[in-house]
Amino acid sequence: MSTPAHTPWSRAQIAQRVAADLPDGAVVNLGIGAPTAVANHLPPGREILLHSENGVLGMGPAPPPGQEDYDLINAGKQPVTLKPGGCFFHHADSFAMMRGGHLDVCVLGAFQVAANGDLANWHTGAPDAIPAVGGAMDLAIGARQTWVMMDWRTKAGEPKLVPALSYPVTGLGCVSRVYTELAVLALQGGQVQVLALCDGMTLEALQALSAVPLAPA
């Protein structure tokens, strides 16, 4: 008897899950790439203050097409909106917020995450890769919690959740939660717990696709 096929979550659905899990009143940094979509899916009535590394606090969702203002952008140079009471400040002040422990959560992309929470998200070792870690290191270590949005596998089919990093390290032991198209995971004490599975996915089937032991929450 064949196993029913699973239906992976879309990028928008992953962003929705992250947005729904953010605690009310939190100050949250959204990293470059997939995490920026979280701003478009915050539940109505929630008070979540979005921060961008380039010096924005009180960031809103992406503007409607045709209403973009390219003087108002996030760290990935994408146009954004500003909520009432939002503000701009110097890049150095933004990094002081990041390094000073003033962010409750940062949401980042990743090339690899180790089972112990180590993060690699700035370099794969490729010769044409970007030359420096940028602000990801400050975010990963400075925020009270670091959450990751990433695909379950690389384009070559290799798991991105690994026993130990093989790419250059961004931060050690910093990741507490991982959101992928197949599952939501909690990382604690070296153990990987499965918090939610996409439709049709089972813990046994996910384990067969994983490079690390998985446990139910």
C-alpha atoms as a PDB file:
ATOM      1  CA  MET A   1       0.000   0.000   0.000  1.00  0.00           C
ATOM      2  CA  SER A   2       1.545   3.297  -1.053  1.00  0.00           C
ATOM      3  CA  THR A   3       2.036   6.189   1.331  1.00  0.00           C
ATOM      4  CA  PRO A   4      -0.199   9.209   0.580  1.00  0.00           C
ATOM      5  CA  ALA A   5       1.679  12.087  -1.007  1.00  0.00           C
ATOM      6  CA  HIS A   6       2.302  15.110   1.174  1.00  0.00           C
ATOM      7  CA  THR A   7       1.536  18.694   0.206  1.00  0.00           C
ATOM      8  CA  PRO A   8       4.399  21.056   1.090  1.00  0.00           C
ATOM      9  CA  TRP A   9       3.557  24.487   2.450  1.00  0.00           C
ATOM     10  CA  SER A  10       4.084  27.407   0.095  1.00  0.00           C
ATOM     11  CA  ARG A  11       6.423  30.288   0.953  1.00  0.00           C
ATOM     12  CA  ALA A  12       3.377  32.363   1.849  1.00  0.00           C
ATOM     13  CA  GLN A  13       2.055  29.626   4.159  1.00  0.00           C
ATOM     14  CA  ILE A  14       5.425  29.356   5.886  1.00  0.00           C
ATOM     15  CA  ALA A  15       5.450  33.128   6.394  1.00  0.00           C
ATOM     16  CA  GLN A  16       1.918  32.914   7.816  1.00  0.00           C
ATOM     17  CA  ARG A  17       3.034  30.319  10.350  1.00  0.00           C
ATOM     18  CA  VAL A  18       5.966  32.449  11.463  1.00  0.00           C
ATOM     19  CA  ALA A  19       3.753  35.520  11.764  1.00  0.00           C
ATOM     20  CA  ALA A  20       1.136  33.636  13.797  1.00  0.00           C
ATOM     21  CA  ASP A  21       3.792  32.365  16.229  1.00  0.00           C
ATOM     22  CA  LEU A  22       5.333  35.767  16.965  1.00  0.00           C
ATOM     23  CA  PRO A  23       4.376  36.866  20.495  1.00  0.00           C
ATOM     24  CA  ASP A  24       2.222  39.949  20.905  1.00  0.00           C
ATOM     25  CA  GLY A  25       4.284  43.048  21.734  1.00  0.00           C
ATOM     26  CA  ALA A  26       7.497  41.592  20.294  1.00  0.00           C
ATOM     27  CA  VAL A  27      10.187  43.626  18.522  1.00  0.00           C
ATOM     28  CA  VAL A  28      11.120  41.492  15.514  1.00  0.00           C
ATOM     29  CA  ASN A  29      13.826  41.782  12.865  1.00  0.00           C
ATOM     30  CA  LEU A  30      13.098  40.282   9.452  1.00  0.00           C
ATOM     31  CA  GLY A  31      16.196  39.233   7.558  1.00  0.00           C
ATOM     32  CA  ILE A  32      16.810  39.424   3.820  1.00  0.00           C
ATOM     33  CA  GLY A  33      15.013  36.975   1.544  1.00  0.00           C
ATOM     34  CA  ALA A  34      12.086  34.775   2.563  1.00  0.00           C
ATOM     35  CA  PRO A  35      11.679  36.344   6.054  1.00  0.00           C
ATOM     36  CA  THR A  36      10.598  39.674   4.554  1.00  0.00           C
ATOM     37  CA  ALA A  37       7.266  38.055   3.583  1.00  0.00           C
ATOM     38  CA  VAL A  38       6.346  37.732   7.273  1.00  0.00           C
ATOM     39  CA  ALA A  39       5.487  41.457   7.263  1.00  0.00           C
ATOM     40  CA  ASN A  40       2.641  40.724   4.832  1.00  0.00           C
ATOM     41  CA  HIS A  41       0.997  38.102   7.068  1.00  0.00           C
ATOM     42  CA  LEU A  42       0.828  39.550  10.580  1.00  0.00           C
ATOM     43  CA  PRO A  43      -2.577  38.691  12.101  1.00  0.00           C
ATOM     44  CA  PRO A  44      -4.961  41.673  12.454  1.00  0.00           C
ATOM     45  CA  GLY A  45      -5.068  43.228  15.883  1.00  0.00           C
ATOM     46  CA  ARG A  46      -1.613  42.017  16.896  1.00  0.00           C
ATOM     47  CA  GLU A  47       0.986  44.529  18.079  1.00  0.00           C
ATOM     48  CA  ILE A  48       4.307  43.425  16.626  1.00  0.00           C
ATOM     49  CA  LEU A  49       7.022  46.002  15.967  1.00  0.00           C
ATOM     50  CA  LEU A  50       9.103  45.157  12.900  1.00  0.00           C
ATOM     51  CA  HIS A  51      12.753  46.218  12.687  1.00  0.00           C
ATOM     52  CA  SER A  52      14.997  46.352   9.628  1.00  0.00           C
ATOM     53  CA  GLU A  53      18.787  46.325   9.844  1.00  0.00           C
ATOM     54  CA  ASN A  54      19.177  49.430   7.674  1.00  0.00           C
ATOM     55  CA  GLY A  55      17.496  51.597  10.334  1.00  0.00           C
ATOM     56  CA  VAL A  56      13.718  51.215  10.298  1.00  0.00           C
ATOM     57  CA  LEU A  57      11.429  50.487  13.258  1.00  0.00           C
ATOM     58  CA  GLY A  58       7.680  50.129  12.800  1.00  0.00           C
ATOM     59  CA  MET A  59       7.916  48.630   9.317  1.00  0.00           C
ATOM     60  CA  GLY A  60       4.693  47.578   7.628  1.00  0.00           C
ATOM     61  CA  PRO A  61       3.860  45.209   4.758  1.00  0.00           C
ATOM     62  CA  ALA A  62       4.904  45.645   1.154  1.00  0.00           C
ATOM     63  CA  PRO A  63       3.090  48.523  -0.622  1.00  0.00           C
ATOM     64  CA  PRO A  64       0.484  47.842  -3.307  1.00  0.00           C
ATOM     65  CA  PRO A  65       1.853  47.742  -6.868  1.00  0.00           C
ATOM     66  CA  GLY A  66       2.404  51.243  -8.196  1.00  0.00           C
ATOM     67  CA  GLN A  67       2.717  52.795  -4.734  1.00  0.00           C
ATOM     68  CA  GLU A  68       6.343  51.863  -4.049  1.00  0.00           C
ATOM     69  CA  ASP A  69       8.621  54.510  -2.559  1.00  0.00           C
ATOM     70  CA  TYR A  70      12.240  53.494  -3.087  1.00  0.00           C
ATOM     71  CA  ASP A  71      13.362  55.914  -0.402  1.00  0.00           C
ATOM     72  CA  LEU A  72      11.528  53.582   2.030  1.00  0.00           C
ATOM     73  CA  ILE A  73      13.141  50.164   1.774  1.00  0.00           C
ATOM     74  CA  ASN A  74      14.167  47.233   3.968  1.00  0.00           C
ATOM     75  CA  ALA A  75      17.653  45.757   4.286  1.00  0.00           C
ATOM     76  CA  GLY A  76      17.081  43.767   1.079  1.00  0.00           C
ATOM     77  CA  LYS A  77      16.319  46.991  -0.854  1.00  0.00           C
ATOM     78  CA  GLN A  78      12.649  46.036  -1.213  1.00  0.00           C
ATOM     79  CA  PRO A  79      10.061  48.820  -0.855  1.00  0.00           C
ATOM     80  CA  VAL A  80       8.065  48.642   2.383  1.00  0.00           C
ATOM     81  CA  THR A  81       5.521  50.740   4.232  1.00  0.00           C
ATOM     82  CA  LEU A  82       5.731  52.454   7.603  1.00  0.00           C
ATOM     83  CA  LYS A  83       3.098  52.055  10.297  1.00  0.00           C
ATOM     84  CA  PRO A  84       1.909  55.049  12.369  1.00  0.00           C
ATOM     85  CA  GLY A  85       4.627  55.880  14.891  1.00  0.00           C
ATOM     86  CA  GLY A  86       7.335  54.214  12.832  1.00  0.00           C
ATOM     87  CA  CYS A  87      10.747  55.868  12.591  1.00  0.00           C
ATOM     88  CA  PHE A  88      14.122  55.924  10.864  1.00  0.00           C
ATOM     89  CA  PHE A  89      17.556  56.126  12.459  1.00  0.00           C
ATOM     90  CA  HIS A  90      21.266  55.782  11.747  1.00  0.00           C
ATOM     91  CA  HIS A  91      22.687  52.406  10.735  1.00  0.00           C
ATOM     92  CA  ALA A  92      24.942  52.481  13.814  1.00  0.00           C
ATOM     93  CA  ASP A  93      21.924  52.937  16.083  1.00  0.00           C
ATOM     94  CA  SER A  94      20.251  49.994  14.381  1.00  0.00           C
ATOM     95  CA  PHE A  95      23.248  47.784  15.117  1.00  0.00           C
ATOM     96  CA  ALA A  96      23.278  49.026  18.711  1.00  0.00           C
ATOM     97  CA  MET A  97      19.702  47.753  18.995  1.00  0.00           C
ATOM     98  CA  MET A  98      20.727  44.407  17.481  1.00  0.00           C
ATOM     99  CA  ARG A  99      23.847  43.947  19.617  1.00  0.00           C
ATOM    100  CA  GLY A 100      22.290  45.335  22.786  1.00  0.00           C
ATOM    101  CA  GLY A 101      19.671  42.625  23.198  1.00  0.00           C
ATOM    102  CA  HIS A 102      16.715  44.837  22.260  1.00  0.00           C
ATOM    103  CA  LEU A 103      15.220  42.437  19.697  1.00  0.00           C
ATOM    104  CA  ASP A 104      12.867  39.723  20.918  1.00  0.00           C
ATOM    105  CA  VAL A 105      13.062  37.657  17.734  1.00  0.00           C
ATOM    106  CA  CYS A 106      15.016  37.729  14.501  1.00  0.00           C
ATOM    107  CA  VAL A 107      13.867  35.684  11.511  1.00  0.00           C
ATOM    108  CA  LEU A 108      16.654  34.686   9.140  1.00  0.00           C
ATOM    109  CA  GLY A 109      17.261  32.484   6.124  1.00  0.00           C
ATOM    110  CA  ALA A 110      19.869  29.729   6.241  1.00  0.00           C
ATOM    111  CA  PHE A 111      22.079  27.495   4.142  1.00  0.00           C
ATOM    112  CA  GLN A 112      22.425  25.053   7.051  1.00  0.00           C
ATOM    113  CA  VAL A 113      21.230  24.673  10.631  1.00  0.00           C
ATOM    114  CA  ALA A 114      22.826  22.127  12.972  1.00  0.00           C
ATOM    115  CA  ALA A 115      20.794  20.109  15.450  1.00  0.00           C
ATOM    116  CA  ASN A 116      22.433  22.035  18.308  1.00  0.00           C
ATOM    117  CA  GLY A 117      21.245  25.368  16.895  1.00  0.00           C
ATOM    118  CA  ASP A 118      24.407  26.447  15.056  1.00  0.00           C
ATOM    119  CA  LEU A 119      23.626  28.657  12.055  1.00  0.00           C
ATOM    120  CA  ALA A 120      25.302  29.054   8.652  1.00  0.00           C
ATOM    121  CA  ASN A 121      23.621  31.615   6.419  1.00  0.00           C
ATOM    122  CA  TRP A 122      26.236  33.803   4.760  1.00  0.00           C
ATOM    123  CA  HIS A 123      28.666  31.616   2.797  1.00  0.00           C
ATOM    124  CA  THR A 124      28.708  28.215   1.096  1.00  0.00           C
ATOM    125  CA  GLY A 125      32.390  28.299   0.231  1.00  0.00           C
ATOM    126  CA  ALA A 126      31.625  29.111  -3.419  1.00  0.00           C
ATOM    127  CA  PRO A 127      34.248  31.380  -5.031  1.00  0.00           C
ATOM    128  CA  ASP A 128      31.659  33.959  -6.132  1.00  0.00           C
ATOM    129  CA  ALA A 129      29.908  34.215  -2.744  1.00  0.00           C
ATOM    130  CA  ILE A 130      29.536  37.480  -0.844  1.00  0.00           C
ATOM    131  CA  PRO A 131      32.755  38.458   0.954  1.00  0.00           C
ATOM    132  CA  ALA A 132      31.533  39.097   4.519  1.00  0.00           C
ATOM    133  CA  VAL A 133      28.956  37.960   7.062  1.00  0.00           C
ATOM    134  CA  GLY A 134      27.254  41.358   7.303  1.00  0.00           C
ATOM    135  CA  GLY A 135      24.666  41.918  10.023  1.00  0.00           C
ATOM    136  CA  ALA A 136      23.483  38.304  10.280  1.00  0.00           C
ATOM    137  CA  MET A 137      26.066  37.544  12.969  1.00  0.00           C
ATOM    138  CA  ASP A 138      24.891  40.478  15.104  1.00  0.00           C
ATOM    139  CA  LEU A 139      21.250  39.487  14.677  1.00  0.00           C
ATOM    140  CA  ALA A 140      21.750  35.790  15.377  1.00  0.00           C
ATOM    141  CA  ILE A 141      23.580  36.408  18.636  1.00  0.00           C
ATOM    142  CA  GLY A 142      21.940  39.662  19.733  1.00  0.00           C
ATOM    143  CA  ALA A 143      18.267  38.674  19.463  1.00  0.00           C
ATOM    144  CA  ARG A 144      16.641  36.820  22.342  1.00  0.00           C
ATOM    145  CA  GLN A 145      15.396  34.189  19.878  1.00  0.00           C
ATOM    146  CA  THR A 146      16.571  33.314  16.387  1.00  0.00           C
ATOM    147  CA  TRP A 147      14.109  31.635  14.051  1.00  0.00           C
ATOM    148  CA  VAL A 148      15.016  30.315  10.604  1.00  0.00           C
ATOM    149  CA  MET A 149      12.992  30.012   7.399  1.00  0.00           C
ATOM    150  CA  MET A 150      14.571  27.637   4.883  1.00  0.00           C
ATOM    151  CA  ASP A 151      13.902  24.816   2.436  1.00  0.00           C
ATOM    152  CA  TRP A 152      14.177  21.296   3.809  1.00  0.00           C
ATOM    153  CA  ARG A 153      16.762  20.375   1.172  1.00  0.00           C
ATOM    154  CA  THR A 154      19.299  22.106  -1.035  1.00  0.00           C
ATOM    155  CA  LYS A 155      18.862  22.238  -4.816  1.00  0.00           C
ATOM    156  CA  ALA A 156      21.147  19.189  -4.926  1.00  0.00           C
ATOM    157  CA  GLY A 157      18.756  17.295  -2.640  1.00  0.00           C
ATOM    158  CA  GLU A 158      20.887  17.381   0.504  1.00  0.00           C
ATOM    159  CA  PRO A 159      19.268  18.066   3.919  1.00  0.00           C
ATOM    160  CA  LYS A 160      19.849  21.575   5.264  1.00  0.00           C
ATOM    161  CA  LEU A 161      19.224  20.474   8.857  1.00  0.00           C
ATOM    162  CA  VAL A 162      22.478  18.690   9.645  1.00  0.00           C
ATOM    163  CA  PRO A 163      24.337  17.011  12.551  1.00  0.00           C
ATOM    164  CA  ALA A 164      27.134  19.610  12.260  1.00  0.00           C
ATOM    165  CA  LEU A 165      27.754  22.589   9.975  1.00  0.00           C
ATOM    166  CA  SER A 166      29.988  22.170   6.945  1.00  0.00           C
ATOM    167  CA  TYR A 167      29.612  25.830   5.882  1.00  0.00           C
ATOM    168  CA  PRO A 168      31.212  28.832   7.638  1.00  0.00           C
ATOM    169  CA  VAL A 169      29.467  29.628  10.925  1.00  0.00           C
ATOM    170  CA  THR A 170      27.237  32.669  11.435  1.00  0.00           C
ATOM    171  CA  GLY A 171      26.326  31.984  15.063  1.00  0.00           C
ATOM    172  CA  LEU A 172      26.735  29.146  17.562  1.00  0.00           C
ATOM    173  CA  GLY A 173      23.794  27.545  19.342  1.00  0.00           C
ATOM    174  CA  CYS A 174      21.492  30.441  18.461  1.00  0.00           C
ATOM    175  CA  VAL A 175      18.619  28.896  16.470  1.00  0.00           C
ATOM    176  CA  SER A 176      15.604  27.840  18.531  1.00  0.00           C
ATOM    177  CA  ARG A 177      13.024  27.277  15.791  1.00  0.00           C
ATOM    178  CA  VAL A 178      13.075  26.259  12.104  1.00  0.00           C
ATOM    179  CA  TYR A 179      10.259  26.714   9.571  1.00  0.00           C
ATOM    180  CA  THR A 180      10.369  24.706   6.326  1.00  0.00           C
ATOM    181  CA  GLU A 181       7.904  23.609   3.647  1.00  0.00           C
ATOM    182  CA  LEU A 182       7.591  20.199   5.346  1.00  0.00           C
ATOM    183  CA  ALA A 183       7.591  20.934   9.076  1.00  0.00           C
ATOM    184  CA  VAL A 184       8.075  23.374  11.929  1.00  0.00           C
ATOM    185  CA  LEU A 185      10.832  22.340  14.327  1.00  0.00           C
ATOM    186  CA  ALA A 186      11.985  23.385  17.790  1.00  0.00           C
ATOM    187  CA  LEU A 187      15.681  23.037  18.665  1.00  0.00           C
ATOM    188  CA  GLN A 188      16.492  22.649  22.340  1.00  0.00           C
ATOM    189  CA  GLY A 189      19.310  20.904  24.185  1.00  0.00           C
ATOM    190  CA  GLY A 190      20.590  19.260  21.014  1.00  0.00           C
ATOM    191  CA  GLN A 191      17.193  17.681  20.353  1.00  0.00           C
ATOM    192  CA  VAL A 192      15.037  18.444  17.298  1.00  0.00           C
ATOM    193  CA  GLN A 193      11.321  18.371  18.085  1.00  0.00           C
ATOM    194  CA  VAL A 194       8.632  18.381  15.387  1.00  0.00           C
ATOM    195  CA  LEU A 195       5.959  20.964  16.227  1.00  0.00           C
ATOM    196  CA  ALA A 196       3.873  20.723  13.034  1.00  0.00           C
ATOM    197  CA  LEU A 197       3.825  18.752   9.783  1.00  0.00           C
ATOM    198  CA  CYS A 198       2.531  19.733   6.349  1.00  0.00           C
ATOM    199  CA  ASP A 199      -0.578  17.958   5.041  1.00  0.00           C
ATOM    200  CA  GLY A 200       0.042  14.272   4.359  1.00  0.00           C
ATOM    201  CA  MET A 201       3.465  14.228   6.048  1.00  0.00           C
ATOM    202  CA  THR A 202       4.151  11.824   8.919  1.00  0.00           C
ATOM    203  CA  LEU A 203       6.955  11.864  11.457  1.00  0.00           C
ATOM    204  CA  GLU A 204       8.256   8.582  10.014  1.00  0.00           C
ATOM    205  CA  ALA A 205       8.305   9.941   6.465  1.00  0.00           C
ATOM    206  CA  LEU A 206      10.011  13.144   7.579  1.00  0.00           C
ATOM    207  CA  GLN A 207      12.626  11.147   9.473  1.00  0.00           C
ATOM    208  CA  ALA A 208      13.430   9.263   6.271  1.00  0.00           C
ATOM    209  CA  LEU A 209      14.199  12.632   4.644  1.00  0.00           C
ATOM    210  CA  SER A 210      16.258  13.904   7.569  1.00  0.00           C
ATOM    211  CA  ALA A 211      19.959  13.732   8.457  1.00  0.00           C
ATOM    212  CA  VAL A 212      19.319  14.121  12.212  1.00  0.00           C
ATOM    213  CA  PRO A 213      17.062  12.303  14.717  1.00  0.00           C
ATOM    214  CA  LEU A 214      13.607  13.839  15.105  1.00  0.00           C
ATOM    215  CA  ALA A 215      11.326  13.648  18.122  1.00  0.00           C
ATOM    216  CA  PRO A 216       7.647  14.492  18.617  1.00  0.00           C
ATOM    217  CA  ALA A 217       6.927  17.650  20.626  1.00  0.00           C
END
